[in-house]
Amino acid sequence: MSVTATEDTYLRGYTGMLTEVSATGRRPTRDELEERRALGERAAEAGHSLRALVREHLDATRFWWPGASATADSVLAAVAQAVDAFAEGYERAQHLAVRQEEAARREFIDDLLYGRSDLGRLAERAERFGLVLSSAHAVAVAEGPEAYADTHPVTRRVESALIARFGDRRILLATKNGQLICIAPGDQDDVLASFAAQAYAATGAGRVAIGRPQPGAGGVVHSYEEALSALQLAERLALDEPVVRAAELLVYPVLTRDRQAMADLVLSALGPLRGARGGAEPLLRTLEVYFESGCVAAEAARRLALSVRALTYRLERIHQLTGADPAEPTHRYTLQTAVIGARLLDWPAQEF
């Protein structure tokens, strides 16, 4: 039997042990088994195939089979222990490498989404995970009824679906704070749209927000923050859409940029509704649905499960309390802007 350099390295001490086992019938010692584990770890770290290495052990056993007085059972038991120890060391090294890779990936994701690392160093690390940060990227964030981790079945299902469809495109899927995160090149909106559809279907409920494409190494952070803000806005506004885009919600941050001015508008236009029986919320909801229905009374009544007459009464009551007629075009814009402001500022639950 010719001995290769690999065999000579990872079979070291193996045949000698078999010879002694055959001669004495003893079991492999603790030190011998620990040496097999150590060699298994070294083989894994060097990138060798476990299957090939086990085959080399068995080939060596067959070639060097001792012909002394020990029974075959003693020799085969020693072979089984030795190979098992070698495989254990190999797998231990593999698991350690996986944990280290996962830790490095998690650290990179944290630095990328929080912008905590030097941008030049961040760009270098990004290439290892398939991102080229010199180009624009967009981020989608999905949330559902429970928190998701990298190993959660929902995460794996979405990841498998994206890989099956888009292959090796430069996509990074991760989790953060229980949410699913997808980072993709800014010119590949089909990837984010597919992620949104897959995430919504996999979670069974929830919402997905997509940030705008942003350039440069810091673009991922900006797009991620936009997606998070879009999720918060969608919740405050009680939007029905399962997928929202930051680009379509830009008017709302503008409306609340001067928070005090918006608060003044809400109190001025809608404050009198607090004097209604049942408080302001029922009439505020009536206005909200009326505007969402294009100011069509029949449609608004249907959505509110009211008769048209009951809806008309509510609109008249709003007119009486505020002095503004929702059906009058000159009053409509002020009331609608105030309703949006009330939702953004969580009024009347939060007084100001």
Protein backbone atom coordinates (compact mmCIF):
# COMPACT_ATOMS: atom_id res chain seq x y z
CA MET A 1 0.00 0.00 0.00
CA SER A 2 1.49 3.35 -1.04
CA VAL A 3 1.14 6.10 1.56
CA THR A 4 0.22 9.64 0.50
CA ALA A 5 1.20 12.76 2.43
CA THR A 6 -2.41 13.15 3.60
CA GLU A 7 -2.61 9.57 4.82
CA ASP A 8 0.76 9.83 6.54
CA THR A 9 -0.53 12.90 8.43
CA TYR A 10 -4.01 11.75 9.46
CA LEU A 11 -3.26 8.03 9.93
CA ARG A 12 -0.35 8.72 12.25
CA GLY A 13 -0.22 6.16 15.06
CA TYR A 14 -3.21 4.24 13.70
CA THR A 15 -1.48 1.11 12.38
CA GLY A 16 0.77 0.92 15.42
CA MET A 17 -2.27 0.93 17.65
CA LEU A 18 -3.86 -1.87 15.62
CA THR A 19 -0.71 -3.97 15.94
CA GLU A 20 -0.72 -3.63 19.72
CA VAL A 21 -4.43 -4.35 19.97
CA SER A 22 -3.92 -7.51 17.93
CA ALA A 23 -1.01 -8.64 20.06
CA THR A 24 -2.52 -7.93 23.47
CA GLY A 25 -6.27 -7.66 22.97
CA ARG A 26 -6.30 -4.33 24.81
CA ARG A 27 -8.66 -1.44 24.00
CA PRO A 28 -7.43 1.87 22.56
CA THR A 29 -6.19 4.18 25.31
CA ARG A 30 -7.69 7.55 26.14
CA ASP A 31 -4.61 9.30 24.74
CA GLU A 32 -4.82 7.36 21.48
CA LEU A 33 -8.47 8.26 21.01
CA GLU A 34 -7.79 11.90 21.87
CA GLU A 35 -5.06 11.92 19.21
CA ARG A 36 -7.59 10.61 16.68
CA ARG A 37 -9.97 13.45 17.63
CA ALA A 38 -7.20 16.02 17.29
CA LEU A 39 -6.27 14.67 13.87
CA GLY A 40 -9.94 14.77 12.85
CA GLU A 41 -10.11 18.45 13.82
CA ARG A 42 -6.97 19.20 11.83
CA ALA A 43 -8.37 17.39 8.79
CA ALA A 44 -11.60 19.43 8.95
CA GLU A 45 -9.70 22.70 9.33
CA ALA A 46 -7.58 21.76 6.29
CA GLY A 47 -10.74 21.19 4.23
CA HIS A 48 -10.37 17.44 3.62
CA SER A 49 -13.35 15.21 2.96
CA LEU A 50 -14.47 13.12 5.93
CA ARG A 51 -15.73 10.41 3.61
CA ALA A 52 -12.32 10.08 1.93
CA LEU A 53 -10.50 10.05 5.25
CA VAL A 54 -12.72 7.30 6.67
CA ARG A 55 -12.09 5.28 3.52
CA GLU A 56 -8.34 5.72 4.06
CA HIS A 57 -8.69 4.40 7.61
CA LEU A 58 -10.55 1.33 6.34
CA ASP A 59 -8.03 0.79 3.52
CA ALA A 60 -5.20 0.96 6.02
CA THR A 61 -7.04 -1.51 8.27
CA ARG A 62 -7.43 -3.97 5.43
CA PHE A 63 -3.80 -3.58 4.28
CA TRP A 64 -2.21 -3.72 7.72
CA TRP A 65 -4.62 -6.29 9.17
CA PRO A 66 -2.62 -7.93 11.96
CA GLY A 67 -2.25 -11.68 11.93
CA ALA A 68 -1.52 -12.23 15.60
CA SER A 69 -3.53 -14.06 18.21
CA ALA A 70 -6.18 -11.44 19.03
CA THR A 71 -9.68 -12.09 17.75
CA ALA A 72 -11.17 -10.16 14.87
CA ASP A 73 -13.71 -8.70 17.30
CA SER A 74 -10.96 -6.97 19.28
CA VAL A 75 -9.42 -5.45 16.17
CA LEU A 76 -12.75 -4.36 14.68
CA ALA A 77 -13.82 -2.83 18.01
CA ALA A 78 -10.59 -0.84 18.07
CA VAL A 79 -11.14 0.26 14.46
CA ALA A 80 -14.68 1.38 15.29
CA GLN A 81 -13.48 3.40 18.28
CA ALA A 82 -10.64 4.98 16.37
CA VAL A 83 -12.74 5.96 13.36
CA ASP A 84 -15.54 7.23 15.62
CA ALA A 85 -13.09 9.40 17.57
CA PHE A 86 -11.62 10.73 14.33
CA ALA A 87 -15.10 11.60 12.99
CA GLU A 88 -16.06 13.19 16.31
CA GLY A 89 -13.06 15.51 16.14
CA TYR A 90 -13.83 16.31 12.51
CA GLU A 91 -17.46 17.18 13.27
CA ARG A 92 -16.44 19.22 16.33
CA ALA A 93 -14.20 21.35 14.14
CA GLN A 94 -16.98 21.72 11.57
CA HIS A 95 -19.48 22.85 14.20
CA LEU A 96 -16.99 25.34 15.60
CA ALA A 97 -16.36 26.73 12.12
CA VAL A 98 -20.10 27.10 11.56
CA ARG A 99 -20.56 28.91 14.88
CA GLN A 100 -17.68 31.23 14.11
CA GLU A 101 -19.11 31.95 10.66
CA GLU A 102 -22.54 32.65 12.16
CA ALA A 103 -21.01 34.96 14.75
CA ALA A 104 -19.07 36.83 12.07
CA ARG A 105 -22.21 37.12 9.94
CA ARG A 106 -24.27 38.41 12.87
CA GLU A 107 -21.61 40.97 13.74
CA PHE A 108 -21.51 42.12 10.12
CA ILE A 109 -25.31 42.44 9.95
CA ASP A 110 -25.34 44.51 13.16
CA ASP A 111 -22.59 46.80 11.92
CA LEU A 112 -24.21 47.12 8.49
CA LEU A 113 -27.69 48.01 9.75
CA TYR A 114 -26.49 50.31 12.52
CA GLY A 115 -23.59 51.90 10.64
CA ARG A 116 -21.24 51.30 13.54
CA SER A 117 -18.16 50.25 11.58
CA ASP A 118 -15.66 52.12 9.43
CA LEU A 119 -17.27 52.27 5.99
CA GLY A 120 -14.12 51.15 4.18
CA ARG A 121 -13.67 48.13 6.41
CA LEU A 122 -17.42 47.42 6.20
CA ALA A 123 -17.25 47.38 2.39
CA GLU A 124 -14.38 44.86 2.52
CA ARG A 125 -16.30 42.57 4.86
CA ALA A 126 -19.45 42.90 2.72
CA GLU A 127 -17.82 41.17 -0.24
CA ARG A 128 -17.48 38.02 1.87
CA PHE A 129 -21.27 37.95 2.20
CA GLY A 130 -22.02 38.74 -1.43
CA LEU A 131 -22.65 42.51 -1.26
CA VAL A 132 -20.87 45.23 -3.22
CA LEU A 133 -21.53 48.35 -1.18
CA SER A 134 -20.18 50.72 -3.81
CA SER A 135 -23.54 50.34 -5.60
CA ALA A 136 -27.00 51.29 -4.36
CA HIS A 137 -28.99 48.91 -2.17
CA ALA A 138 -32.54 48.72 -0.87
CA VAL A 139 -33.79 46.97 2.25
CA ALA A 140 -37.10 45.27 2.95
CA VAL A 141 -38.25 44.48 6.48
CA ALA A 142 -40.97 41.93 7.29
CA GLU A 143 -42.69 41.47 10.62
CA GLY A 144 -45.20 38.85 11.66
CA PRO A 145 -47.12 37.57 14.65
CA GLU A 146 -43.96 36.22 16.29
CA ALA A 147 -40.23 36.93 16.47
CA TYR A 148 -38.03 35.23 13.88
CA ALA A 149 -34.41 34.10 14.22
CA ASP A 150 -31.96 32.91 11.56
CA THR A 151 -32.85 29.28 12.29
CA HIS A 152 -36.63 29.76 12.40
CA PRO A 153 -38.56 27.64 9.85
CA VAL A 154 -40.14 30.79 8.38
CA THR A 155 -36.69 32.28 7.77
CA ARG A 156 -35.47 29.09 6.12
CA ARG A 157 -38.60 28.86 3.97
CA VAL A 158 -38.26 32.41 2.66
CA GLU A 159 -34.52 31.97 2.09
CA SER A 160 -35.05 28.72 0.15
CA ALA A 161 -37.69 30.34 -2.04
CA LEU A 162 -35.44 33.29 -2.90
CA ILE A 163 -32.46 31.06 -3.66
CA ALA A 164 -34.59 28.81 -5.84
CA ARG A 165 -35.81 31.77 -7.89
CA PHE A 166 -32.83 34.11 -8.00
CA GLY A 167 -29.87 31.79 -7.50
CA ASP A 168 -26.60 33.49 -6.66
CA ARG A 169 -27.70 37.10 -7.09
CA ARG A 170 -26.13 39.41 -4.52
CA ILE A 171 -28.88 39.05 -1.92
CA LEU A 172 -28.48 38.94 1.84
CA LEU A 173 -31.26 37.59 4.05
CA ALA A 174 -31.01 38.01 7.81
CA THR A 175 -33.04 38.63 10.95
CA LYS A 176 -32.91 41.55 13.35
CA ASN A 177 -35.04 42.23 16.42
CA GLY A 178 -37.36 39.40 15.43
CA GLN A 179 -37.95 40.79 11.92
CA LEU A 180 -36.90 39.36 8.56
CA ILE A 181 -34.47 41.56 6.62
CA CYS A 182 -33.70 41.35 2.91
CA ILE A 183 -30.92 43.45 1.35
CA ALA A 184 -30.71 43.55 -2.42
CA PRO A 185 -29.13 45.72 -5.16
CA GLY A 186 -31.17 48.86 -5.73
CA ASP A 187 -31.92 48.00 -9.36
CA GLN A 188 -33.43 44.58 -8.51
CA ASP A 189 -36.86 45.50 -7.23
CA ASP A 190 -38.15 42.10 -8.33
CA VAL A 191 -36.07 40.52 -5.57
CA LEU A 192 -37.63 42.68 -2.86
CA ALA A 193 -41.11 42.24 -4.29
CA SER A 194 -40.64 38.46 -4.25
CA PHE A 195 -39.27 38.62 -0.70
CA ALA A 196 -42.32 40.61 0.37
CA ALA A 197 -44.69 38.06 -1.16
CA GLN A 198 -42.82 35.09 0.29
CA ALA A 199 -42.49 36.65 3.75
CA TYR A 200 -46.16 37.60 3.90
CA ALA A 201 -47.20 34.10 2.86
CA ALA A 202 -44.76 32.36 5.22
CA THR A 203 -45.69 34.39 8.29
CA GLY A 204 -49.40 34.00 7.65
CA ALA A 205 -49.97 37.63 8.60
CA GLY A 206 -48.01 40.79 9.26
CA ARG A 207 -46.63 43.46 7.00
CA VAL A 208 -43.59 44.15 4.83
CA ALA A 209 -42.02 47.56 4.25
CA ILE A 210 -39.55 48.37 1.48
CA GLY A 211 -37.08 51.23 1.76
CA ARG A 212 -35.87 53.29 -1.18
CA PRO A 213 -32.60 52.37 -2.96
CA GLN A 214 -29.76 54.35 -1.40
CA PRO A 215 -26.19 54.65 -2.72
CA GLY A 216 -22.87 53.94 -1.07
CA ALA A 217 -21.72 51.98 1.97
CA GLY A 218 -24.11 53.93 4.20
CA GLY A 219 -27.05 53.42 1.86
CA VAL A 220 -28.10 50.16 3.49
CA VAL A 221 -28.53 51.91 6.85
CA HIS A 222 -30.66 54.68 5.32
CA SER A 223 -32.88 52.28 3.40
CA TYR A 224 -33.27 50.08 6.50
CA GLU A 225 -34.30 53.07 8.62
CA GLU A 226 -36.81 54.11 5.96
CA ALA A 227 -38.33 50.62 5.96
CA LEU A 228 -38.64 50.65 9.75
CA SER A 229 -40.27 54.08 9.67
CA ALA A 230 -42.68 52.89 6.97
CA LEU A 231 -43.71 49.96 9.20
CA GLN A 232 -44.40 52.34 12.09
CA LEU A 233 -46.38 54.71 9.88
CA ALA A 234 -48.44 51.87 8.45
CA GLU A 235 -49.33 50.72 11.95
CA ARG A 236 -50.27 54.21 13.14
CA LEU A 237 -52.37 54.86 10.07
CA ALA A 238 -53.93 51.37 10.27
CA LEU A 239 -53.18 50.79 6.59
CA ASP A 240 -54.71 47.65 5.09
CA GLU A 241 -51.92 47.02 2.57
CA PRO A 242 -49.65 44.09 3.49
CA VAL A 243 -46.75 45.69 1.59
CA VAL A 244 -45.87 49.36 1.97
CA ARG A 245 -43.12 51.34 0.28
CA ALA A 246 -41.28 54.18 1.92
CA ALA A 247 -41.36 56.11 -1.37
CA GLU A 248 -45.17 56.18 -1.26
CA LEU A 249 -45.31 57.44 2.34
CA LEU A 250 -42.94 60.38 2.07
CA VAL A 251 -45.75 62.89 2.53
CA TYR A 252 -46.35 61.74 6.11
CA PRO A 253 -42.92 62.59 7.53
CA VAL A 254 -43.30 65.96 5.83
CA LEU A 255 -46.62 66.51 7.58
CA THR A 256 -45.13 65.75 10.99
CA ARG A 257 -41.81 67.49 10.53
CA ASP A 258 -43.23 70.43 12.45
CA ARG A 259 -44.89 68.41 15.18
CA GLN A 260 -46.18 71.44 17.09
CA ALA A 261 -47.83 72.90 14.00
CA MET A 262 -49.52 69.57 13.27
CA ALA A 263 -50.68 69.26 16.89
CA ASP A 264 -52.16 72.75 16.69
CA LEU A 265 -54.02 71.81 13.50
CA VAL A 266 -55.41 68.62 15.05
CA LEU A 267 -56.67 70.39 18.15
CA SER A 268 -58.06 73.31 16.18
CA ALA A 269 -59.87 71.25 13.54
CA LEU A 270 -60.82 68.13 15.51
CA GLY A 271 -60.62 69.12 19.18
CA PRO A 272 -64.38 69.87 19.41
CA LEU A 273 -65.12 66.22 18.57
CA ARG A 274 -64.20 65.35 22.15
CA GLY A 275 -67.52 66.88 23.17
CA ALA A 276 -69.52 64.28 21.26
CA ARG A 277 -71.27 61.42 23.01
CA GLY A 278 -68.75 58.56 23.07
CA GLY A 279 -65.82 60.90 22.61
CA ALA A 280 -63.87 61.85 19.51
CA GLU A 281 -62.79 58.38 18.29
CA PRO A 282 -66.05 57.22 16.59
CA LEU A 283 -66.40 60.46 14.64
CA LEU A 284 -62.68 60.52 13.84
CA ARG A 285 -62.98 56.99 12.43
CA THR A 286 -66.02 58.10 10.43
CA LEU A 287 -64.02 60.90 8.83
CA GLU A 288 -61.12 58.56 8.13
CA VAL A 289 -63.24 55.99 6.32
CA TYR A 290 -65.25 58.69 4.50
CA PHE A 291 -62.07 60.17 3.03
CA GLU A 292 -60.64 56.73 2.20
CA SER A 293 -63.87 55.98 0.31
CA GLY A 294 -63.43 59.00 -1.92
CA CYS A 295 -66.13 60.88 -0.01
CA VAL A 296 -68.76 58.46 -1.32
CA ALA A 297 -71.30 58.14 1.48
CA ALA A 298 -72.69 54.77 0.40
CA GLU A 299 -69.25 53.16 0.29
CA ALA A 300 -68.19 54.69 3.61
CA ALA A 301 -71.41 53.48 5.23
CA ARG A 302 -70.79 49.94 3.92
CA ARG A 303 -67.24 49.88 5.32
CA LEU A 304 -68.46 51.13 8.70
CA ALA A 305 -71.42 48.74 8.74
CA LEU A 306 -73.81 51.72 9.03
CA SER A 307 -76.84 52.82 7.10
CA VAL A 308 -76.35 55.77 4.80
CA ARG A 309 -78.71 57.74 7.01
CA ALA A 310 -76.60 56.99 10.12
CA LEU A 311 -73.45 58.02 8.28
CA THR A 312 -75.07 61.24 7.10
CA TYR A 313 -76.10 62.01 10.67
CA ARG A 314 -72.49 61.54 11.83
CA LEU A 315 -71.16 63.86 9.13
CA GLU A 316 -73.74 66.50 10.10
CA ARG A 317 -72.73 66.13 13.74
CA ILE A 318 -69.08 66.65 12.79
CA HIS A 319 -70.12 69.79 10.92
CA GLN A 320 -72.01 71.07 13.94
CA LEU A 321 -69.12 70.46 16.35
CA THR A 322 -66.21 71.66 14.22
CA GLY A 323 -67.85 74.17 11.93
CA ALA A 324 -66.25 72.36 8.97
CA ASP A 325 -68.36 70.43 6.46
CA PRO A 326 -66.61 67.18 5.28
CA ALA A 327 -68.62 67.32 2.04
CA GLU A 328 -67.46 70.86 1.27
CA PRO A 329 -64.29 70.89 -0.88
CA THR A 330 -62.92 74.01 0.81
CA HIS A 331 -63.15 72.31 4.22
CA ARG A 332 -62.23 68.81 3.13
CA TYR A 333 -58.47 69.26 2.79
CA THR A 334 -58.11 70.77 6.27
CA LEU A 335 -60.16 68.01 7.87
CA GLN A 336 -58.39 65.22 5.98
CA THR A 337 -54.94 66.60 6.86
CA ALA A 338 -56.01 66.89 10.49
CA VAL A 339 -57.26 63.28 10.48
CA ILE A 340 -53.91 62.08 9.13
CA GLY A 341 -52.13 64.16 11.76
CA ALA A 342 -54.32 62.69 14.50
CA ARG A 343 -53.33 59.16 13.48
CA LEU A 344 -49.65 60.04 13.24
CA LEU A 345 -49.70 61.69 16.66
CA ASP A 346 -51.96 59.00 18.18
CA TRP A 347 -54.67 61.51 19.10
CA PRO A 348 -56.99 61.40 21.02
CA ALA A 349 -55.31 58.55 22.95
CA GLN A 350 -52.32 60.86 23.46
CA GLU A 351 -53.24 64.34 24.53
CA PHE A 352 -51.00 67.32 23.80
